[in-house]
Amino acid sequence: RRFTPLLQKQSSVADPSRVIITGSVAGLTVGSLGASGAYSYAASKAAVLHLARNLAVELGPRHILVNGIAPGFFPSKMANVLMERSGGSDALSRASPNGRVGRAEDVAAAVVFLASRAGGHVNGDTIVLDGGKIWGSNALEKL
């Protein structure tokens, strides 16, 4: 809330200010269960993405757009351990409809889009950056 006046000062209908919040696909799906479940992580990411939607409604009339990005598996210090537990980068790539895990430029492209004029009418949305994995998973296949 303290930054709202600064964001509002430079915003207009034609060129609104932007806030881009990073969450995770863990906030949109049911992930690991049982002993390896990351319940608090998933709940916090769901809350962050919901915050983006609420702020979009609150700040939109002041010409401030708020959106989220929800990355899936991207090699990183935090994700590498979980990626290895899940069979490694190759296994995760095979499980993704587009055949690979995320790259840094995937996140960069989404942020550039949301921050550019091309994203000037996007507000309250979350861009999922997981190569379609969130939609390609079918829990019923395991039954």
C-alpha atoms as a PDB file:
ATOM      1  CA  ARG A   1       0.000   0.000   0.000  1.00  0.00           C
ATOM      2  CA  ARG A   2       2.910   2.340   0.610  1.00  0.00           C
ATOM      3  CA  PHE A   3       4.004   2.126  -3.012  1.00  0.00           C
ATOM      4  CA  THR A   4       0.517   2.693  -4.444  1.00  0.00           C
ATOM      5  CA  PRO A   5       0.885   6.508  -4.612  1.00  0.00           C
ATOM      6  CA  LEU A   6       4.171   6.131  -6.498  1.00  0.00           C
ATOM      7  CA  LEU A   7       2.660   3.657  -8.946  1.00  0.00           C
ATOM      8  CA  GLN A   8      -0.439   5.800  -9.383  1.00  0.00           C
ATOM      9  CA  LYS A   9       1.569   8.975  -9.998  1.00  0.00           C
ATOM     10  CA  GLN A  10       3.028   7.626 -13.251  1.00  0.00           C
ATOM     11  CA  SER A  11      -0.014   5.643 -14.425  1.00  0.00           C
ATOM     12  CA  SER A  12      -2.723   6.461 -16.945  1.00  0.00           C
ATOM     13  CA  VAL A  13      -5.506   4.692 -18.817  1.00  0.00           C
ATOM     14  CA  ALA A  14      -3.235   4.461 -21.870  1.00  0.00           C
ATOM     15  CA  ASP A  15      -0.176   3.304 -19.925  1.00  0.00           C
ATOM     16  CA  PRO A  16      -1.033   1.787 -16.533  1.00  0.00           C
ATOM     17  CA  SER A  17       1.573   0.891 -13.942  1.00  0.00           C
ATOM     18  CA  ARG A  18       2.254  -2.792 -13.407  1.00  0.00           C
ATOM     19  CA  VAL A  19       2.754  -5.101 -10.453  1.00  0.00           C
ATOM     20  CA  ILE A  20       3.868  -8.649 -11.269  1.00  0.00           C
ATOM     21  CA  ILE A  21       3.752 -11.191  -8.450  1.00  0.00           C
ATOM     22  CA  THR A  22       5.608 -14.501  -8.614  1.00  0.00           C
ATOM     23  CA  GLY A  23       3.789 -17.543  -7.270  1.00  0.00           C
ATOM     24  CA  SER A  24       4.093 -21.174  -8.348  1.00  0.00           C
ATOM     25  CA  VAL A  25       2.032 -23.870 -10.017  1.00  0.00           C
ATOM     26  CA  ALA A  26       2.071 -25.423  -6.540  1.00  0.00           C
ATOM     27  CA  GLY A  27      -0.547 -22.808  -5.662  1.00  0.00           C
ATOM     28  CA  LEU A  28      -2.840 -24.014  -8.450  1.00  0.00           C
ATOM     29  CA  THR A  29      -2.629 -27.803  -8.215  1.00  0.00           C
ATOM     30  CA  VAL A  30      -2.594 -30.645  -5.732  1.00  0.00           C
ATOM     31  CA  GLY A  31       1.059 -31.609  -5.522  1.00  0.00           C
ATOM     32  CA  SER A  32       2.892 -34.124  -3.401  1.00  0.00           C
ATOM     33  CA  LEU A  33       0.895 -35.725  -0.621  1.00  0.00           C
ATOM     34  CA  GLY A  34       1.863 -37.584   2.526  1.00  0.00           C
ATOM     35  CA  ALA A  35       5.295 -37.286   4.093  1.00  0.00           C
ATOM     36  CA  SER A  36       6.744 -35.420   1.103  1.00  0.00           C
ATOM     37  CA  GLY A  37       3.818 -33.000   0.873  1.00  0.00           C
ATOM     38  CA  ALA A  38       4.727 -29.335   0.788  1.00  0.00           C
ATOM     39  CA  TYR A  39       1.422 -28.127   2.187  1.00  0.00           C
ATOM     40  CA  SER A  40       2.614 -24.827   3.618  1.00  0.00           C
ATOM     41  CA  TYR A  41       4.511 -23.989   0.418  1.00  0.00           C
ATOM     42  CA  ALA A  42       1.459 -24.726  -1.754  1.00  0.00           C
ATOM     43  CA  ALA A  43      -0.844 -22.754   0.548  1.00  0.00           C
ATOM     44  CA  SER A  44       1.487 -19.750   0.534  1.00  0.00           C
ATOM     45  CA  LYS A  45       1.708 -19.782  -3.273  1.00  0.00           C
ATOM     46  CA  ALA A  46      -2.083 -20.045  -3.583  1.00  0.00           C
ATOM     47  CA  ALA A  47      -2.381 -17.065  -1.234  1.00  0.00           C
ATOM     48  CA  VAL A  48       0.115 -15.025  -3.261  1.00  0.00           C
ATOM     49  CA  LEU A  49      -1.803 -15.642  -6.493  1.00  0.00           C
ATOM     50  CA  HIS A  50      -5.104 -14.814  -4.801  1.00  0.00           C
ATOM     51  CA  LEU A  51      -3.541 -11.614  -3.466  1.00  0.00           C
ATOM     52  CA  ALA A  52      -2.717 -10.644  -7.060  1.00  0.00           C
ATOM     53  CA  ARG A  53      -6.378 -11.057  -8.068  1.00  0.00           C
ATOM     54  CA  ASN A  54      -7.595  -9.016  -5.102  1.00  0.00           C
ATOM     55  CA  LEU A  55      -5.073  -6.251  -5.737  1.00  0.00           C
ATOM     56  CA  ALA A  56      -6.060  -6.198  -9.422  1.00  0.00           C
ATOM     57  CA  VAL A  57      -9.629  -5.353  -8.441  1.00  0.00           C
ATOM     58  CA  GLU A  58      -8.552  -2.820  -5.823  1.00  0.00           C
ATOM     59  CA  LEU A  59      -5.852  -1.065  -7.846  1.00  0.00           C
ATOM     60  CA  GLY A  60      -7.289  -1.411 -11.359  1.00  0.00           C
ATOM     61  CA  PRO A  61      -9.451   1.728 -11.052  1.00  0.00           C
ATOM     62  CA  ARG A  62      -6.239   3.630 -10.227  1.00  0.00           C
ATOM     63  CA  HIS A  63      -4.655   2.407 -13.479  1.00  0.00           C
ATOM     64  CA  ILE A  64      -2.398  -0.134 -11.795  1.00  0.00           C
ATOM     65  CA  LEU A  65      -2.497  -3.636 -13.276  1.00  0.00           C
ATOM     66  CA  VAL A  66      -1.642  -6.597 -11.044  1.00  0.00           C
ATOM     67  CA  ASN A  67      -0.897 -10.044 -12.441  1.00  0.00           C
ATOM     68  CA  GLY A  68       0.874 -13.188 -11.355  1.00  0.00           C
ATOM     69  CA  ILE A  69       3.211 -15.699 -12.888  1.00  0.00           C
ATOM     70  CA  ALA A  70       3.202 -19.317 -11.741  1.00  0.00           C
ATOM     71  CA  PRO A  71       6.342 -21.171 -12.811  1.00  0.00           C
ATOM     72  CA  GLY A  72       6.484 -24.945 -12.816  1.00  0.00           C
ATOM     73  CA  PHE A  73       9.802 -26.804 -12.719  1.00  0.00           C
ATOM     74  CA  PHE A  74      12.761 -24.575 -13.519  1.00  0.00           C
ATOM     75  CA  PRO A  75      16.284 -25.662 -12.617  1.00  0.00           C
ATOM     76  CA  SER A  76      17.278 -23.668  -9.537  1.00  0.00           C
ATOM     77  CA  LYS A  77      18.969 -24.155  -6.199  1.00  0.00           C
ATOM     78  CA  MET A  78      15.571 -24.683  -4.544  1.00  0.00           C
ATOM     79  CA  ALA A  79      13.999 -26.878  -7.234  1.00  0.00           C
ATOM     80  CA  ASN A  80      16.953 -29.117  -8.089  1.00  0.00           C
ATOM     81  CA  VAL A  81      16.479 -31.402  -5.065  1.00  0.00           C
ATOM     82  CA  LEU A  82      12.778 -31.870  -5.791  1.00  0.00           C
ATOM     83  CA  MET A  83      13.518 -32.351  -9.484  1.00  0.00           C
ATOM     84  CA  GLU A  84      15.954 -35.153  -8.629  1.00  0.00           C
ATOM     85  CA  ARG A  85      13.379 -36.779  -6.321  1.00  0.00           C
ATOM     86  CA  SER A  86      10.931 -36.653  -9.229  1.00  0.00           C
ATOM     87  CA  GLY A  87      13.263 -38.547 -11.566  1.00  0.00           C
ATOM     88  CA  GLY A  88      15.473 -35.727 -12.792  1.00  0.00           C
ATOM     89  CA  SER A  89      15.216 -33.160 -15.536  1.00  0.00           C
ATOM     90  CA  ASP A  90      14.873 -35.779 -18.292  1.00  0.00           C
ATOM     91  CA  ALA A  91      11.917 -37.508 -16.593  1.00  0.00           C
ATOM     92  CA  LEU A  92      10.207 -34.184 -15.915  1.00  0.00           C
ATOM     93  CA  SER A  93      10.789 -33.150 -19.530  1.00  0.00           C
ATOM     94  CA  ARG A  94       9.146 -36.348 -20.787  1.00  0.00           C
ATOM     95  CA  ALA A  95       6.145 -35.708 -18.517  1.00  0.00           C
ATOM     96  CA  SER A  96       5.612 -32.219 -19.950  1.00  0.00           C
ATOM     97  CA  PRO A  97       3.506 -31.792 -23.110  1.00  0.00           C
ATOM     98  CA  ASN A  98       6.161 -29.531 -24.645  1.00  0.00           C
ATOM     99  CA  GLY A  99       8.984 -31.916 -23.741  1.00  0.00           C
ATOM    100  CA  ARG A 100      11.156 -29.759 -21.484  1.00  0.00           C
ATOM    101  CA  VAL A 101      11.429 -27.985 -18.156  1.00  0.00           C
ATOM    102  CA  GLY A 102      11.379 -24.214 -17.890  1.00  0.00           C
ATOM    103  CA  ARG A 103      14.205 -21.879 -18.825  1.00  0.00           C
ATOM    104  CA  ALA A 104      15.051 -18.445 -17.461  1.00  0.00           C
ATOM    105  CA  GLU A 105      13.967 -16.824 -20.731  1.00  0.00           C
ATOM    106  CA  ASP A 106      10.471 -18.285 -20.298  1.00  0.00           C
ATOM    107  CA  VAL A 107      10.002 -16.259 -17.114  1.00  0.00           C
ATOM    108  CA  ALA A 108      11.642 -13.218 -18.690  1.00  0.00           C
ATOM    109  CA  ALA A 109       9.306 -13.354 -21.698  1.00  0.00           C
ATOM    110  CA  ALA A 110       6.198 -13.514 -19.495  1.00  0.00           C
ATOM    111  CA  VAL A 111       7.378 -10.579 -17.388  1.00  0.00           C
ATOM    112  CA  VAL A 112       8.265  -8.516 -20.475  1.00  0.00           C
ATOM    113  CA  PHE A 113       4.816  -9.240 -21.943  1.00  0.00           C
ATOM    114  CA  LEU A 114       2.979  -8.267 -18.761  1.00  0.00           C
ATOM    115  CA  ALA A 115       5.087  -5.123 -18.342  1.00  0.00           C
ATOM    116  CA  SER A 116       4.726  -4.028 -21.975  1.00  0.00           C
ATOM    117  CA  ARG A 117       1.925  -2.310 -23.877  1.00  0.00           C
ATOM    118  CA  ALA A 118       1.000  -5.752 -25.217  1.00  0.00           C
ATOM    119  CA  GLY A 119      -0.095  -6.678 -21.682  1.00  0.00           C
ATOM    120  CA  GLY A 120      -1.905  -3.391 -21.113  1.00  0.00           C
ATOM    121  CA  HIS A 121      -5.349  -4.997 -20.851  1.00  0.00           C
ATOM    122  CA  VAL A 122      -4.332  -8.011 -18.753  1.00  0.00           C
ATOM    123  CA  ASN A 123      -5.326  -7.589 -15.113  1.00  0.00           C
ATOM    124  CA  GLY A 124      -5.919 -10.126 -12.356  1.00  0.00           C
ATOM    125  CA  ASP A 125      -4.584 -13.064 -14.342  1.00  0.00           C
ATOM    126  CA  THR A 126      -1.913 -15.646 -13.715  1.00  0.00           C
ATOM    127  CA  ILE A 127       0.360 -16.863 -16.487  1.00  0.00           C
ATOM    128  CA  VAL A 128       1.272 -20.496 -15.878  1.00  0.00           C
ATOM    129  CA  LEU A 129       4.813 -21.273 -17.047  1.00  0.00           C
ATOM    130  CA  ASP A 130       4.989 -25.049 -17.032  1.00  0.00           C
ATOM    131  CA  GLY A 131       4.828 -26.125 -20.680  1.00  0.00           C
ATOM    132  CA  GLY A 132       1.258 -27.390 -20.289  1.00  0.00           C
ATOM    133  CA  LYS A 133       2.073 -29.865 -17.520  1.00  0.00           C
ATOM    134  CA  ILE A 134      -0.709 -28.552 -15.284  1.00  0.00           C
ATOM    135  CA  TRP A 135      -3.220 -29.599 -17.961  1.00  0.00           C
ATOM    136  CA  GLY A 136      -1.369 -32.681 -19.196  1.00  0.00           C
ATOM    137  CA  SER A 137      -1.416 -34.458 -15.838  1.00  0.00           C
ATOM    138  CA  ASN A 138      -4.132 -37.015 -15.341  1.00  0.00           C
ATOM    139  CA  ALA A 139      -4.381 -38.446 -11.847  1.00  0.00           C
ATOM    140  CA  LEU A 140      -6.868 -41.051 -13.112  1.00  0.00           C
ATOM    141  CA  GLU A 141      -4.104 -42.681 -15.181  1.00  0.00           C
ATOM    142  CA  LYS A 142      -2.616 -43.958 -11.913  1.00  0.00           C
ATOM    143  CA  LEU A 143      -5.780 -45.809 -10.862  1.00  0.00           C
END
